[in-house]
Amino acid sequence: MTRASGDAFSVAVRVYYEDTDAAGVVYYANYLRFMERARSDWLRAQLAGPHELAASDKVLFAVRSVALKFLMPARLDDFLTITAEPTSIRGASLTFYQACWRGKEIMCCGEIDLVCVDAQTFAPRRLPEAIARVLAKTSDL
């Protein structure tokens, strides 16, 4: 699951006190929050934000599954780079490889599967063709 891509989309995150446990280490669930920000900003950079997609295309993206590996602890005041790389785009879903980096060290990495759902009913649905085309082109998949 560990891979490094120099051209992955990334966002910067500073670790604040609220992100840590009593020992000053990033609480494990907060890595998911950091990754959510990176995926949301990736999507916004490619197409539009979640509100715009819900309004214009009537779709949302929901997390279907997560598989993470915690490799090293990030700590209070660390400056992290959170990457988001789509690795698969299928009919109604996307898979991302994501990692949390401190410099050249990976703190946490994993795969996150998203499913496209109808914005009103939350029922799974195929990616609208225009969205699938843009995502495939921008991610080289």
C-alpha atoms as a PDB file:
ATOM      1  CA  MET A   1       0.000   0.000   0.000  1.00  0.00           C
ATOM      2  CA  THR A   2       2.974   2.351   0.355  1.00  0.00           C
ATOM      3  CA  ARG A   3       3.829   4.254  -2.784  1.00  0.00           C
ATOM      4  CA  ALA A   4       5.150   7.698  -3.469  1.00  0.00           C
ATOM      5  CA  SER A   5       4.197   9.819  -6.409  1.00  0.00           C
ATOM      6  CA  GLY A   6       5.824  13.152  -7.012  1.00  0.00           C
ATOM      7  CA  ASP A   7       2.838  14.474  -8.934  1.00  0.00           C
ATOM      8  CA  ALA A   8       0.053  13.563  -6.503  1.00  0.00           C
ATOM      9  CA  PHE A   9      -2.413  16.281  -5.541  1.00  0.00           C
ATOM     10  CA  SER A  10      -1.625  17.549  -2.056  1.00  0.00           C
ATOM     11  CA  VAL A  11      -2.744  19.889   0.701  1.00  0.00           C
ATOM     12  CA  ALA A  12      -0.784  21.177   3.672  1.00  0.00           C
ATOM     13  CA  VAL A  13      -1.973  20.611   7.246  1.00  0.00           C
ATOM     14  CA  ARG A  14      -0.526  21.838  10.513  1.00  0.00           C
ATOM     15  CA  VAL A  15      -1.153  19.526  13.495  1.00  0.00           C
ATOM     16  CA  TYR A  16      -2.940  21.467  16.222  1.00  0.00           C
ATOM     17  CA  TYR A  17      -3.556  20.554  19.826  1.00  0.00           C
ATOM     18  CA  GLU A  18      -7.139  19.560  18.957  1.00  0.00           C
ATOM     19  CA  ASP A  19      -5.768  16.920  16.537  1.00  0.00           C
ATOM     20  CA  THR A  20      -3.765  15.102  19.211  1.00  0.00           C
ATOM     21  CA  ASP A  21      -4.299  12.775  22.132  1.00  0.00           C
ATOM     22  CA  ALA A  22      -2.957  13.311  25.664  1.00  0.00           C
ATOM     23  CA  ALA A  23       0.549  12.286  24.523  1.00  0.00           C
ATOM     24  CA  GLY A  24       0.653  14.938  21.783  1.00  0.00           C
ATOM     25  CA  VAL A  25       0.320  12.332  19.017  1.00  0.00           C
ATOM     26  CA  VAL A  26      -2.219  12.710  16.210  1.00  0.00           C
ATOM     27  CA  TYR A  27      -5.329  10.749  17.186  1.00  0.00           C
ATOM     28  CA  TYR A  28      -5.770   7.992  14.590  1.00  0.00           C
ATOM     29  CA  ALA A  29      -9.222   9.103  13.388  1.00  0.00           C
ATOM     30  CA  ASN A  30      -7.908  12.559  12.547  1.00  0.00           C
ATOM     31  CA  TYR A  31      -5.875  11.152   9.662  1.00  0.00           C
ATOM     32  CA  LEU A  32      -9.247  10.440   8.032  1.00  0.00           C
ATOM     33  CA  ARG A  33     -10.211  14.104   8.483  1.00  0.00           C
ATOM     34  CA  PHE A  34      -6.964  15.222   6.863  1.00  0.00           C
ATOM     35  CA  MET A  35      -7.518  12.815   3.960  1.00  0.00           C
ATOM     36  CA  GLU A  36     -11.102  14.019   3.507  1.00  0.00           C
ATOM     37  CA  ARG A  37      -9.813  17.579   3.075  1.00  0.00           C
ATOM     38  CA  ALA A  38      -7.330  16.461   0.420  1.00  0.00           C
ATOM     39  CA  ARG A  39      -9.965  14.467  -1.520  1.00  0.00           C
ATOM     40  CA  SER A  40     -12.458  17.340  -1.318  1.00  0.00           C
ATOM     41  CA  ASP A  41      -9.884  19.821  -2.581  1.00  0.00           C
ATOM     42  CA  TRP A  42      -8.820  17.392  -5.331  1.00  0.00           C
ATOM     43  CA  LEU A  43     -12.442  17.110  -6.482  1.00  0.00           C
ATOM     44  CA  ARG A  44     -12.895  20.883  -6.259  1.00  0.00           C
ATOM     45  CA  ALA A  45      -9.760  21.382  -8.391  1.00  0.00           C
ATOM     46  CA  GLN A  46     -11.001  18.910 -11.028  1.00  0.00           C
ATOM     47  CA  LEU A  47     -14.723  19.742 -11.165  1.00  0.00           C
ATOM     48  CA  ALA A  48     -16.459  21.614  -8.377  1.00  0.00           C
ATOM     49  CA  GLY A  49     -17.132  21.438  -4.680  1.00  0.00           C
ATOM     50  CA  PRO A  50     -19.656  19.056  -3.122  1.00  0.00           C
ATOM     51  CA  HIS A  51     -22.443  21.653  -2.960  1.00  0.00           C
ATOM     52  CA  GLU A  52     -22.014  22.551  -6.620  1.00  0.00           C
ATOM     53  CA  LEU A  53     -22.006  18.895  -7.724  1.00  0.00           C
ATOM     54  CA  ALA A  54     -25.111  18.186  -5.673  1.00  0.00           C
ATOM     55  CA  ALA A  55     -26.893  21.163  -7.216  1.00  0.00           C
ATOM     56  CA  SER A  56     -25.726  20.830 -10.826  1.00  0.00           C
ATOM     57  CA  ASP A  57     -25.297  17.081 -11.319  1.00  0.00           C
ATOM     58  CA  LYS A  58     -27.388  15.765  -8.411  1.00  0.00           C
ATOM     59  CA  VAL A  59     -24.522  13.600  -7.117  1.00  0.00           C
ATOM     60  CA  LEU A  60     -22.514  13.237  -3.930  1.00  0.00           C
ATOM     61  CA  PHE A  61     -19.591  11.003  -3.037  1.00  0.00           C
ATOM     62  CA  ALA A  62     -19.735   8.826   0.069  1.00  0.00           C
ATOM     63  CA  VAL A  63     -16.961   6.775   1.627  1.00  0.00           C
ATOM     64  CA  ARG A  64     -17.636   3.069   1.153  1.00  0.00           C
ATOM     65  CA  SER A  65     -14.493   1.590   2.664  1.00  0.00           C
ATOM     66  CA  VAL A  66     -11.176   2.578   4.215  1.00  0.00           C
ATOM     67  CA  ALA A  67      -7.966   0.584   4.652  1.00  0.00           C
ATOM     68  CA  LEU A  68      -5.205   2.462   6.477  1.00  0.00           C
ATOM     69  CA  LYS A  69      -1.723   1.675   7.717  1.00  0.00           C
ATOM     70  CA  PHE A  70      -0.300   3.745  10.551  1.00  0.00           C
ATOM     71  CA  LEU A  71       3.461   3.790  10.107  1.00  0.00           C
ATOM     72  CA  MET A  72       4.827   6.592  12.301  1.00  0.00           C
ATOM     73  CA  PRO A  73       3.247   9.026  14.744  1.00  0.00           C
ATOM     74  CA  ALA A  74       2.659  12.608  13.685  1.00  0.00           C
ATOM     75  CA  ARG A  75       2.872  15.033  16.596  1.00  0.00           C
ATOM     76  CA  LEU A  76       1.709  18.403  17.783  1.00  0.00           C
ATOM     77  CA  ASP A  77       2.967  21.250  15.544  1.00  0.00           C
ATOM     78  CA  ASP A  78       4.113  18.910  12.750  1.00  0.00           C
ATOM     79  CA  PHE A  79       3.592  20.259   9.269  1.00  0.00           C
ATOM     80  CA  LEU A  80       2.058  17.497   7.117  1.00  0.00           C
ATOM     81  CA  THR A  81       1.436  17.101   3.416  1.00  0.00           C
ATOM     82  CA  ILE A  82      -1.665  15.059   2.626  1.00  0.00           C
ATOM     83  CA  THR A  83      -1.772  13.523  -0.853  1.00  0.00           C
ATOM     84  CA  ALA A  84      -4.725  12.231  -2.859  1.00  0.00           C
ATOM     85  CA  GLU A  85      -4.285  10.134  -5.996  1.00  0.00           C
ATOM     86  CA  PRO A  86      -7.152   8.414  -7.765  1.00  0.00           C
ATOM     87  CA  THR A  87      -6.088   4.888  -8.641  1.00  0.00           C
ATOM     88  CA  SER A  88      -9.329   3.597 -10.121  1.00  0.00           C
ATOM     89  CA  ILE A  89     -12.452   5.123 -11.608  1.00  0.00           C
ATOM     90  CA  ARG A  90     -15.278   2.672 -12.250  1.00  0.00           C
ATOM     91  CA  GLY A  91     -18.951   3.000 -13.164  1.00  0.00           C
ATOM     92  CA  ALA A  92     -20.183   4.267  -9.804  1.00  0.00           C
ATOM     93  CA  SER A  93     -17.021   4.477  -7.725  1.00  0.00           C
ATOM     94  CA  LEU A  94     -13.542   5.917  -7.279  1.00  0.00           C
ATOM     95  CA  THR A  95     -10.588   4.585  -5.331  1.00  0.00           C
ATOM     96  CA  PHE A  96      -7.905   6.875  -3.929  1.00  0.00           C
ATOM     97  CA  TYR A  97      -4.455   6.156  -2.596  1.00  0.00           C
ATOM     98  CA  GLN A  98      -3.755   8.694   0.127  1.00  0.00           C
ATOM     99  CA  ALA A  99      -0.812   9.385   2.374  1.00  0.00           C
ATOM    100  CA  CYS A 100       0.102  11.749   5.186  1.00  0.00           C
ATOM    101  CA  TRP A 101       3.714  12.860   4.886  1.00  0.00           C
ATOM    102  CA  ARG A 102       6.064  14.686   7.236  1.00  0.00           C
ATOM    103  CA  GLY A 103       8.801  15.700   4.863  1.00  0.00           C
ATOM    104  CA  LYS A 104       9.867  12.459   3.149  1.00  0.00           C
ATOM    105  CA  GLU A 105       8.422  10.179   5.852  1.00  0.00           C
ATOM    106  CA  ILE A 106       4.971   8.620   5.531  1.00  0.00           C
ATOM    107  CA  MET A 107       3.014   8.773   8.771  1.00  0.00           C
ATOM    108  CA  CYS A 108      -0.130   7.065   7.485  1.00  0.00           C
ATOM    109  CA  CYS A 109      -1.287   5.733   4.108  1.00  0.00           C
ATOM    110  CA  GLY A 110      -4.177   3.841   2.668  1.00  0.00           C
ATOM    111  CA  GLU A 111      -6.894   3.285   0.128  1.00  0.00           C
ATOM    112  CA  ILE A 112     -10.271   4.948   0.332  1.00  0.00           C
ATOM    113  CA  ASP A 113     -13.167   3.780  -1.852  1.00  0.00           C
ATOM    114  CA  LEU A 114     -15.903   6.276  -2.686  1.00  0.00           C
ATOM    115  CA  VAL A 115     -19.276   5.567  -4.200  1.00  0.00           C
ATOM    116  CA  CYS A 116     -21.278   8.034  -6.262  1.00  0.00           C
ATOM    117  CA  VAL A 117     -24.782   8.497  -4.845  1.00  0.00           C
ATOM    118  CA  ASP A 118     -27.875  10.409  -5.867  1.00  0.00           C
ATOM    119  CA  ALA A 119     -27.944  13.702  -3.941  1.00  0.00           C
ATOM    120  CA  GLN A 120     -31.621  13.275  -3.031  1.00  0.00           C
ATOM    121  CA  THR A 121     -32.054   9.561  -2.332  1.00  0.00           C
ATOM    122  CA  PHE A 122     -28.458   8.575  -1.450  1.00  0.00           C
ATOM    123  CA  ALA A 123     -28.917   5.518  -3.676  1.00  0.00           C
ATOM    124  CA  PRO A 124     -25.773   4.451  -5.554  1.00  0.00           C
ATOM    125  CA  ARG A 125     -25.670   5.635  -9.159  1.00  0.00           C
ATOM    126  CA  ARG A 126     -23.253   5.680 -12.059  1.00  0.00           C
ATOM    127  CA  LEU A 127     -20.965   8.648 -12.389  1.00  0.00           C
ATOM    128  CA  PRO A 128     -22.517  11.128 -14.823  1.00  0.00           C
ATOM    129  CA  GLU A 129     -20.682  10.740 -18.130  1.00  0.00           C
ATOM    130  CA  ALA A 130     -19.334  14.310 -18.131  1.00  0.00           C
ATOM    131  CA  ILE A 131     -17.889  13.858 -14.637  1.00  0.00           C
ATOM    132  CA  ALA A 132     -16.385  10.449 -15.446  1.00  0.00           C
ATOM    133  CA  ARG A 133     -14.750  11.922 -18.553  1.00  0.00           C
ATOM    134  CA  VAL A 134     -13.197  14.828 -16.640  1.00  0.00           C
ATOM    135  CA  LEU A 135     -11.991  12.586 -13.809  1.00  0.00           C
ATOM    136  CA  ALA A 136     -10.485  10.049 -16.199  1.00  0.00           C
ATOM    137  CA  LYS A 137      -8.704  12.744 -18.196  1.00  0.00           C
ATOM    138  CA  THR A 138      -7.333  14.653 -15.219  1.00  0.00           C
ATOM    139  CA  SER A 139      -6.119  11.562 -13.390  1.00  0.00           C
ATOM    140  CA  ASP A 140      -4.688   9.623 -16.379  1.00  0.00           C
ATOM    141  CA  LEU A 141      -6.755   6.524 -15.568  1.00  0.00           C
END
